[in-house]
Amino acid sequence: MAYNMLQQAAFKRTEHLVIEAGVDTEGALVIELPKELLLILQNLIGVDDSEGEGVDPLAYLLAWLVTFDLFVDAVSG
């Protein structure tokens, strides 16, 4: 259920950024991945599983799926 919500949020964010990029005549718009998403990806990658506490593969893959969802229907400048 949470992934569905994140997927919808990613779609709306991408849609908003595409519109903003389309009306940005000065080229001042800087588009970056959300800091919170980058932190999640960094934390999942940096987990030390030497004590048997491995990364949950589902959480890892879902974080990347949300990242890739940000690029659906995005246009290049």
PDB file of N, CA and C in Angstrom:
ATOM      1  N   MET A   1       0.820  -1.180   0.000  1.00  0.00           N
ATOM      2  CA  MET A   1       0.000   0.000   0.000  1.00  0.00           C
ATOM      3  C   MET A   1       0.876   1.261   0.000  1.00  0.00           C
ATOM      4  N   ALA A   2       1.950   1.228   0.780  1.00  0.00           N
ATOM      5  CA  ALA A   2       2.835   2.394   0.855  1.00  0.00           C
ATOM      6  C   ALA A   2       3.506   2.640  -0.492  1.00  0.00           C
ATOM      7  N   TYR A   3       3.876   1.557  -1.178  1.00  0.00           N
ATOM      8  CA  TYR A   3       4.513   1.730  -2.486  1.00  0.00           C
ATOM      9  C   TYR A   3       3.564   2.402  -3.469  1.00  0.00           C
ATOM     10  N   ASN A   4       2.284   2.032  -3.444  1.00  0.00           N
ATOM     11  CA  ASN A   4       1.301   2.680  -4.325  1.00  0.00           C
ATOM     12  C   ASN A   4       1.247   4.179  -4.073  1.00  0.00           C
ATOM     13  N   MET A   5       1.270   4.558  -2.796  1.00  0.00           N
ATOM     14  CA  MET A   5       1.239   5.981  -2.460  1.00  0.00           C
ATOM     15  C   MET A   5       2.507   6.685  -2.956  1.00  0.00           C
ATOM     16  N   LEU A   6       3.658   6.047  -2.763  1.00  0.00           N
ATOM     17  CA  LEU A   6       4.907   6.635  -3.237  1.00  0.00           C
ATOM     18  C   LEU A   6       4.944   6.734  -4.753  1.00  0.00           C
ATOM     19  N   GLN A   7       4.411   5.730  -5.420  1.00  0.00           N
ATOM     20  CA  GLN A   7       4.376   5.732  -6.879  1.00  0.00           C
ATOM     21  C   GLN A   7       3.509   6.883  -7.391  1.00  0.00           C
ATOM     22  N   GLN A   8       2.373   7.101  -6.776  1.00  0.00           N
ATOM     23  CA  GLN A   8       1.509   8.215  -7.171  1.00  0.00           C
ATOM     24  C   GLN A   8       2.183   9.551  -6.892  1.00  0.00           C
ATOM     25  N   ALA A   9       2.862   9.652  -5.763  1.00  0.00           N
ATOM     26  CA  ALA A   9       3.582  10.891  -5.438  1.00  0.00           C
ATOM     27  C   ALA A   9       4.698  11.141  -6.437  1.00  0.00           C
ATOM     28  N   ALA A  10       5.400  10.087  -6.850  1.00  0.00           N
ATOM     29  CA  ALA A  10       6.464  10.235  -7.840  1.00  0.00           C
ATOM     30  C   ALA A  10       5.893  10.708  -9.168  1.00  0.00           C
ATOM     31  N   PHE A  11       4.745  10.177  -9.554  1.00  0.00           N
ATOM     32  CA  PHE A  11       4.111  10.588 -10.805  1.00  0.00           C
ATOM     33  C   PHE A  11       3.744  12.076 -10.756  1.00  0.00           C
ATOM     34  N   LYS A  12       3.146  12.490  -9.658  1.00  0.00           N
ATOM     35  CA  LYS A  12       2.735  13.897  -9.528  1.00  0.00           C
ATOM     36  C   LYS A  12       3.942  14.827  -9.487  1.00  0.00           C
ATOM     37  N   ARG A  13       4.992  14.412  -8.821  1.00  0.00           N
ATOM     38  CA  ARG A  13       6.212  15.233  -8.768  1.00  0.00           C
ATOM     39  C   ARG A  13       6.824  15.361 -10.158  1.00  0.00           C
ATOM     40  N   THR A  14       6.906  14.252 -10.894  1.00  0.00           N
ATOM     41  CA  THR A  14       7.461  14.295 -12.245  1.00  0.00           C
ATOM     42  C   THR A  14       6.607  15.184 -13.135  1.00  0.00           C
ATOM     43  N   GLU A  15       5.303  15.051 -13.033  1.00  0.00           N
ATOM     44  CA  GLU A  15       4.397  15.877 -13.827  1.00  0.00           C
ATOM     45  C   GLU A  15       4.612  17.359 -13.524  1.00  0.00           C
ATOM     46  N   HIS A  16       4.739  17.687 -12.247  1.00  0.00           N
ATOM     47  CA  HIS A  16       4.968  19.074 -11.836  1.00  0.00           C
ATOM     48  C   HIS A  16       6.298  19.594 -12.386  1.00  0.00           C
ATOM     49  N   LEU A  17       7.348  18.778 -12.288  1.00  0.00           N
ATOM     50  CA  LEU A  17       8.657  19.210 -12.759  1.00  0.00           C
ATOM     51  C   LEU A  17       8.709  19.371 -14.272  1.00  0.00           C
ATOM     52  N   VAL A  18       7.994  18.521 -14.996  1.00  0.00           N
ATOM     53  CA  VAL A  18       7.945  18.648 -16.456  1.00  0.00           C
ATOM     54  C   VAL A  18       7.284  19.973 -16.839  1.00  0.00           C
ATOM     55  N   ILE A  19       6.217  20.322 -16.145  1.00  0.00           N
ATOM     56  CA  ILE A  19       5.532  21.595 -16.419  1.00  0.00           C
ATOM     57  C   ILE A  19       6.450  22.760 -16.065  1.00  0.00           C
ATOM     58  N   GLU A  20       7.095  22.690 -14.898  1.00  0.00           N
ATOM     59  CA  GLU A  20       8.010  23.756 -14.492  1.00  0.00           C
ATOM     60  C   GLU A  20       9.153  23.913 -15.497  1.00  0.00           C
ATOM     61  N   ALA A  21       9.699  22.816 -15.959  1.00  0.00           N
ATOM     62  CA  ALA A  21      10.798  22.881 -16.930  1.00  0.00           C
ATOM     63  C   ALA A  21      10.315  23.468 -18.248  1.00  0.00           C
ATOM     64  N   GLY A  22       9.068  23.184 -18.618  1.00  0.00           N
ATOM     65  CA  GLY A  22       8.524  23.701 -19.864  1.00  0.00           C
ATOM     66  C   GLY A  22       8.325  25.204 -19.862  1.00  0.00           C
ATOM     67  N   VAL A  23       8.033  25.777 -18.714  1.00  0.00           N
ATOM     68  CA  VAL A  23       7.793  27.224 -18.641  1.00  0.00           C
ATOM     69  C   VAL A  23       9.019  27.991 -18.149  1.00  0.00           C
ATOM     70  N   ASP A  24      10.097  27.291 -17.826  1.00  0.00           N
ATOM     71  CA  ASP A  24      11.313  27.939 -17.352  1.00  0.00           C
ATOM     72  C   ASP A  24      12.104  28.477 -18.544  1.00  0.00           C
ATOM     73  N   THR A  25      11.951  29.756 -18.825  1.00  0.00           N
ATOM     74  CA  THR A  25      12.623  30.353 -19.982  1.00  0.00           C
ATOM     75  C   THR A  25      14.047  30.787 -19.671  1.00  0.00           C
ATOM     76  N   GLU A  26      14.385  30.904 -18.387  1.00  0.00           N
ATOM     77  CA  GLU A  26      15.717  31.365 -18.002  1.00  0.00           C
ATOM     78  C   GLU A  26      16.692  30.211 -17.761  1.00  0.00           C
ATOM     79  N   GLY A  27      16.202  29.000 -17.728  1.00  0.00           N
ATOM     80  CA  GLY A  27      17.065  27.852 -17.463  1.00  0.00           C
ATOM     81  C   GLY A  27      17.560  27.806 -16.029  1.00  0.00           C
ATOM     82  N   ALA A  28      16.806  28.387 -15.125  1.00  0.00           N
ATOM     83  CA  ALA A  28      17.216  28.469 -13.723  1.00  0.00           C
ATOM     84  C   ALA A  28      16.726  27.286 -12.886  1.00  0.00           C
ATOM     85  N   LEU A  29      15.861  26.463 -13.437  1.00  0.00           N
ATOM     86  CA  LEU A  29      15.286  25.353 -12.679  1.00  0.00           C
ATOM     87  C   LEU A  29      16.324  24.247 -12.489  1.00  0.00           C
ATOM     88  N   VAL A  30      16.533  23.857 -11.251  1.00  0.00           N
ATOM     89  CA  VAL A  30      17.441  22.757 -10.931  1.00  0.00           C
ATOM     90  C   VAL A  30      16.592  21.578 -10.485  1.00  0.00           C
ATOM     91  N   ILE A  31      16.706  20.479 -11.193  1.00  0.00           N
ATOM     92  CA  ILE A  31      15.898  19.299 -10.876  1.00  0.00           C
ATOM     93  C   ILE A  31      16.803  18.250 -10.244  1.00  0.00           C
ATOM     94  N   GLU A  32      16.441  17.837  -9.046  1.00  0.00           N
ATOM     95  CA  GLU A  32      17.191  16.831  -8.313  1.00  0.00           C
ATOM     96  C   GLU A  32      16.232  15.811  -7.720  1.00  0.00           C
ATOM     97  N   LEU A  33      16.769  14.646  -7.419  1.00  0.00           N
ATOM     98  CA  LEU A  33      15.961  13.658  -6.713  1.00  0.00           C
ATOM     99  C   LEU A  33      15.695  14.170  -5.302  1.00  0.00           C
ATOM    100  N   PRO A  34      14.552  13.817  -4.734  1.00  0.00           N
ATOM    101  CA  PRO A  34      14.255  14.251  -3.363  1.00  0.00           C
ATOM    102  C   PRO A  34      15.331  13.770  -2.390  1.00  0.00           C
ATOM    103  N   LYS A  35      15.742  14.648  -1.488  1.00  0.00           N
ATOM    104  CA  LYS A  35      16.796  14.316  -0.528  1.00  0.00           C
ATOM    105  C   LYS A  35      16.419  13.124   0.339  1.00  0.00           C
ATOM    106  N   GLU A  36      15.138  13.039   0.692  1.00  0.00           N
ATOM    107  CA  GLU A  36      14.684  11.923   1.534  1.00  0.00           C
ATOM    108  C   GLU A  36      14.870  10.585   0.816  1.00  0.00           C
ATOM    109  N   LEU A  37      14.588  10.563  -0.488  1.00  0.00           N
ATOM    110  CA  LEU A  37      14.746   9.327  -1.253  1.00  0.00           C
ATOM    111  C   LEU A  37      16.216   8.957  -1.364  1.00  0.00           C
ATOM    112  N   LEU A  38      17.075   9.944  -1.580  1.00  0.00           N
ATOM    113  CA  LEU A  38      18.506   9.671  -1.644  1.00  0.00           C
ATOM    114  C   LEU A  38      19.026   9.132  -0.318  1.00  0.00           C
ATOM    115  N   LEU A  39      18.527   9.675   0.799  1.00  0.00           N
ATOM    116  CA  LEU A  39      18.942   9.168   2.112  1.00  0.00           C
ATOM    117  C   LEU A  39      18.523   7.716   2.307  1.00  0.00           C
ATOM    118  N   ILE A  40      17.310   7.391   1.873  1.00  0.00           N
ATOM    119  CA  ILE A  40      16.843   6.005   1.994  1.00  0.00           C
ATOM    120  C   ILE A  40      17.741   5.076   1.183  1.00  0.00           C
ATOM    121  N   LEU A  41      18.050   5.467  -0.050  1.00  0.00           N
ATOM    122  CA  LEU A  41      18.902   4.629  -0.898  1.00  0.00           C
ATOM    123  C   LEU A  41      20.297   4.484  -0.307  1.00  0.00           C
ATOM    124  N   GLN A  42      20.861   5.579   0.213  1.00  0.00           N
ATOM    125  CA  GLN A  42      22.188   5.518   0.821  1.00  0.00           C
ATOM    126  C   GLN A  42      22.188   4.654   2.070  1.00  0.00           C
ATOM    127  N   ASN A  43      21.142   4.769   2.880  1.00  0.00           N
ATOM    128  CA  ASN A  43      21.062   3.962   4.098  1.00  0.00           C
ATOM    129  C   ASN A  43      20.912   2.486   3.776  1.00  0.00           C
ATOM    130  N   LEU A  44      20.151   2.163   2.746  1.00  0.00           N
ATOM    131  CA  LEU A  44      19.969   0.759   2.382  1.00  0.00           C
ATOM    132  C   LEU A  44      21.248   0.165   1.829  1.00  0.00           C
ATOM    133  N   ILE A  45      22.001   0.969   1.096  1.00  0.00           N
ATOM    134  CA  ILE A  45      23.245   0.470   0.513  1.00  0.00           C
ATOM    135  C   ILE A  45      24.316   0.328   1.592  1.00  0.00           C
ATOM    136  N   GLY A  46      24.326   1.262   2.562  1.00  0.00           N
ATOM    137  CA  GLY A  46      25.383   1.297   3.558  1.00  0.00           C
ATOM    138  C   GLY A  46      25.177   0.399   4.755  1.00  0.00           C
ATOM    139  N   VAL A  47      24.135  -0.405   4.779  1.00  0.00           N
ATOM    140  CA  VAL A  47      23.885  -1.264   5.936  1.00  0.00           C
ATOM    141  C   VAL A  47      24.922  -2.377   5.979  1.00  0.00           C
ATOM    142  N   ASP A  48      25.514  -2.556   7.151  1.00  0.00           N
ATOM    143  CA  ASP A  48      26.524  -3.593   7.343  1.00  0.00           C
ATOM    144  C   ASP A  48      25.826  -4.873   7.769  1.00  0.00           C
ATOM    145  N   ASP A  49      25.963  -5.900   6.954  1.00  0.00           N
ATOM    146  CA  ASP A  49      25.280  -7.150   7.288  1.00  0.00           C
ATOM    147  C   ASP A  49      26.246  -8.169   7.876  1.00  0.00           C
ATOM    148  N   SER A  50      27.345  -7.719   8.486  1.00  0.00           N
ATOM    149  CA  SER A  50      28.306  -8.649   9.069  1.00  0.00           C
ATOM    150  C   SER A  50      27.735  -9.375  10.294  1.00  0.00           C
ATOM    151  N   GLU A  51      26.733  -8.793  10.922  1.00  0.00           N
ATOM    152  CA  GLU A  51      26.123  -9.419  12.096  1.00  0.00           C
ATOM    153  C   GLU A  51      24.842 -10.162  11.742  1.00  0.00           C
ATOM    154  N   GLY A  52      24.654 -10.456  10.471  1.00  0.00           N
ATOM    155  CA  GLY A  52      23.468 -11.170  10.057  1.00  0.00           C
ATOM    156  C   GLY A  52      22.272 -10.282   9.811  1.00  0.00           C
ATOM    157  N   GLU A  53      22.440  -8.975   9.955  1.00  0.00           N
ATOM    158  CA  GLU A  53      21.343  -8.036   9.729  1.00  0.00           C
ATOM    159  C   GLU A  53      21.433  -7.500   8.300  1.00  0.00           C
ATOM    160  N   GLY A  54      21.015  -8.275   7.354  1.00  0.00           N
ATOM    161  CA  GLY A  54      21.097  -7.868   5.961  1.00  0.00           C
ATOM    162  C   GLY A  54      20.002  -6.892   5.583  1.00  0.00           C
ATOM    163  N   VAL A  55      20.203  -6.290   4.449  1.00  0.00           N
ATOM    164  CA  VAL A  55      19.194  -5.381   3.910  1.00  0.00           C
ATOM    165  C   VAL A  55      18.012  -6.196   3.431  1.00  0.00           C
ATOM    166  N   ASP A  56      16.817  -5.728   3.741  1.00  0.00           N
ATOM    167  CA  ASP A  56      15.618  -6.381   3.245  1.00  0.00           C
ATOM    168  C   ASP A  56      15.580  -6.168   1.734  1.00  0.00           C
ATOM    169  N   PRO A  57      15.695  -7.226   0.946  1.00  0.00           N
ATOM    170  CA  PRO A  57      15.736  -7.067  -0.511  1.00  0.00           C
ATOM    171  C   PRO A  57      14.498  -6.349  -1.061  1.00  0.00           C
ATOM    172  N   LEU A  58      13.346  -6.581  -0.463  1.00  0.00           N
ATOM    173  CA  LEU A  58      12.123  -5.926  -0.930  1.00  0.00           C
ATOM    174  C   LEU A  58      12.218  -4.415  -0.723  1.00  0.00           C
ATOM    175  N   ALA A  59      12.693  -3.985   0.436  1.00  0.00           N
ATOM    176  CA  ALA A  59      12.841  -2.555   0.706  1.00  0.00           C
ATOM    177  C   ALA A  59      13.834  -1.931  -0.258  1.00  0.00           C
ATOM    178  N   TYR A  60      14.920  -2.619  -0.516  1.00  0.00           N
ATOM    179  CA  TYR A  60      15.941  -2.124  -1.439  1.00  0.00           C
ATOM    180  C   TYR A  60      15.376  -1.949  -2.845  1.00  0.00           C
ATOM    181  N   LEU A  61      14.685  -2.952  -3.332  1.00  0.00           N
ATOM    182  CA  LEU A  61      14.129  -2.888  -4.683  1.00  0.00           C
ATOM    183  C   LEU A  61      12.996  -1.868  -4.792  1.00  0.00           C
ATOM    184  N   LEU A  62      12.166  -1.769  -3.775  1.00  0.00           N
ATOM    185  CA  LEU A  62      11.082  -0.781  -3.806  1.00  0.00           C
ATOM    186  C   LEU A  62      11.631   0.642  -3.820  1.00  0.00           C
ATOM    187  N   ALA A  63      12.705   0.880  -3.093  1.00  0.00           N
ATOM    188  CA  ALA A  63      13.315   2.216  -3.108  1.00  0.00           C
ATOM    189  C   ALA A  63      13.817   2.549  -4.503  1.00  0.00           C
ATOM    190  N   TRP A  64      14.407   1.589  -5.181  1.00  0.00           N
ATOM    191  CA  TRP A  64      14.873   1.837  -6.555  1.00  0.00           C
ATOM    192  C   TRP A  64      13.706   1.975  -7.520  1.00  0.00           C
ATOM    193  N   LEU A  65      12.645   1.216  -7.315  1.00  0.00           N
ATOM    194  CA  LEU A  65      11.466   1.363  -8.180  1.00  0.00           C
ATOM    195  C   LEU A  65      10.874   2.759  -8.074  1.00  0.00           C
ATOM    196  N   VAL A  66      10.797   3.287  -6.856  1.00  0.00           N
ATOM    197  CA  VAL A  66      10.289   4.649  -6.674  1.00  0.00           C
ATOM    198  C   VAL A  66      11.216   5.635  -7.376  1.00  0.00           C
ATOM    199  N   THR A  67      12.518   5.412  -7.276  1.00  0.00           N
ATOM    200  CA  THR A  67      13.477   6.285  -7.959  1.00  0.00           C
ATOM    201  C   THR A  67      13.234   6.275  -9.459  1.00  0.00           C
ATOM    202  N   PHE A  68      13.079   5.104 -10.031  1.00  0.00           N
ATOM    203  CA  PHE A  68      12.854   5.006 -11.477  1.00  0.00           C
ATOM    204  C   PHE A  68      11.494   5.544 -11.873  1.00  0.00           C
ATOM    205  N   ASP A  69      10.517   5.461 -10.974  1.00  0.00           N
ATOM    206  CA  ASP A  69       9.187   6.031 -11.262  1.00  0.00           C
ATOM    207  C   ASP A  69       9.252   7.537 -11.482  1.00  0.00           C
ATOM    208  N   LEU A  70      10.256   8.178 -10.896  1.00  0.00           N
ATOM    209  CA  LEU A  70      10.396   9.624 -11.075  1.00  0.00           C
ATOM    210  C   LEU A  70      10.738   9.993 -12.527  1.00  0.00           C
ATOM    211  N   PHE A  71      11.224   9.036 -13.295  1.00  0.00           N
ATOM    212  CA  PHE A  71      11.638   9.317 -14.659  1.00  0.00           C
ATOM    213  C   PHE A  71      10.615   8.916 -15.714  1.00  0.00           C
ATOM    214  N   VAL A  72       9.503   8.332 -15.314  1.00  0.00           N
ATOM    215  CA  VAL A  72       8.461   7.948 -16.255  1.00  0.00           C
ATOM    216  C   VAL A  72       7.837   9.202 -16.853  1.00  0.00           C
ATOM    217  N   ASP A  73       7.732   9.237 -18.156  1.00  0.00           N
ATOM    218  CA  ASP A  73       7.164  10.373 -18.901  1.00  0.00           C
ATOM    219  C   ASP A  73       7.926  11.678 -18.707  1.00  0.00           C
ATOM    220  N   ALA A  74       9.146  11.605 -18.226  1.00  0.00           N
ATOM    221  CA  ALA A  74       9.954  12.815 -18.100  1.00  0.00           C
ATOM    222  C   ALA A  74      10.545  13.145 -19.478  1.00  0.00           C
ATOM    223  N   VAL A  75      10.765  14.402 -19.718  1.00  0.00           N
ATOM    224  CA  VAL A  75      11.341  14.823 -21.004  1.00  0.00           C
ATOM    225  C   VAL A  75      12.730  15.381 -20.766  1.00  0.00           C
ATOM    226  N   SER A  76      13.569  15.264 -21.773  1.00  0.00           N
ATOM    227  CA  SER A  76      14.910  15.821 -21.648  1.00  0.00           C
ATOM    228  C   SER A  76      14.957  17.183 -22.315  1.00  0.00           C
ATOM    229  N   GLY A  77      15.815  18.033 -21.794  1.00  0.00           N
ATOM    230  CA  GLY A  77      15.908  19.402 -22.276  1.00  0.00           C
ATOM    231  C   GLY A  77      16.802  19.598 -23.386  1.00  0.00           C
TER     232      GLY A  77
END
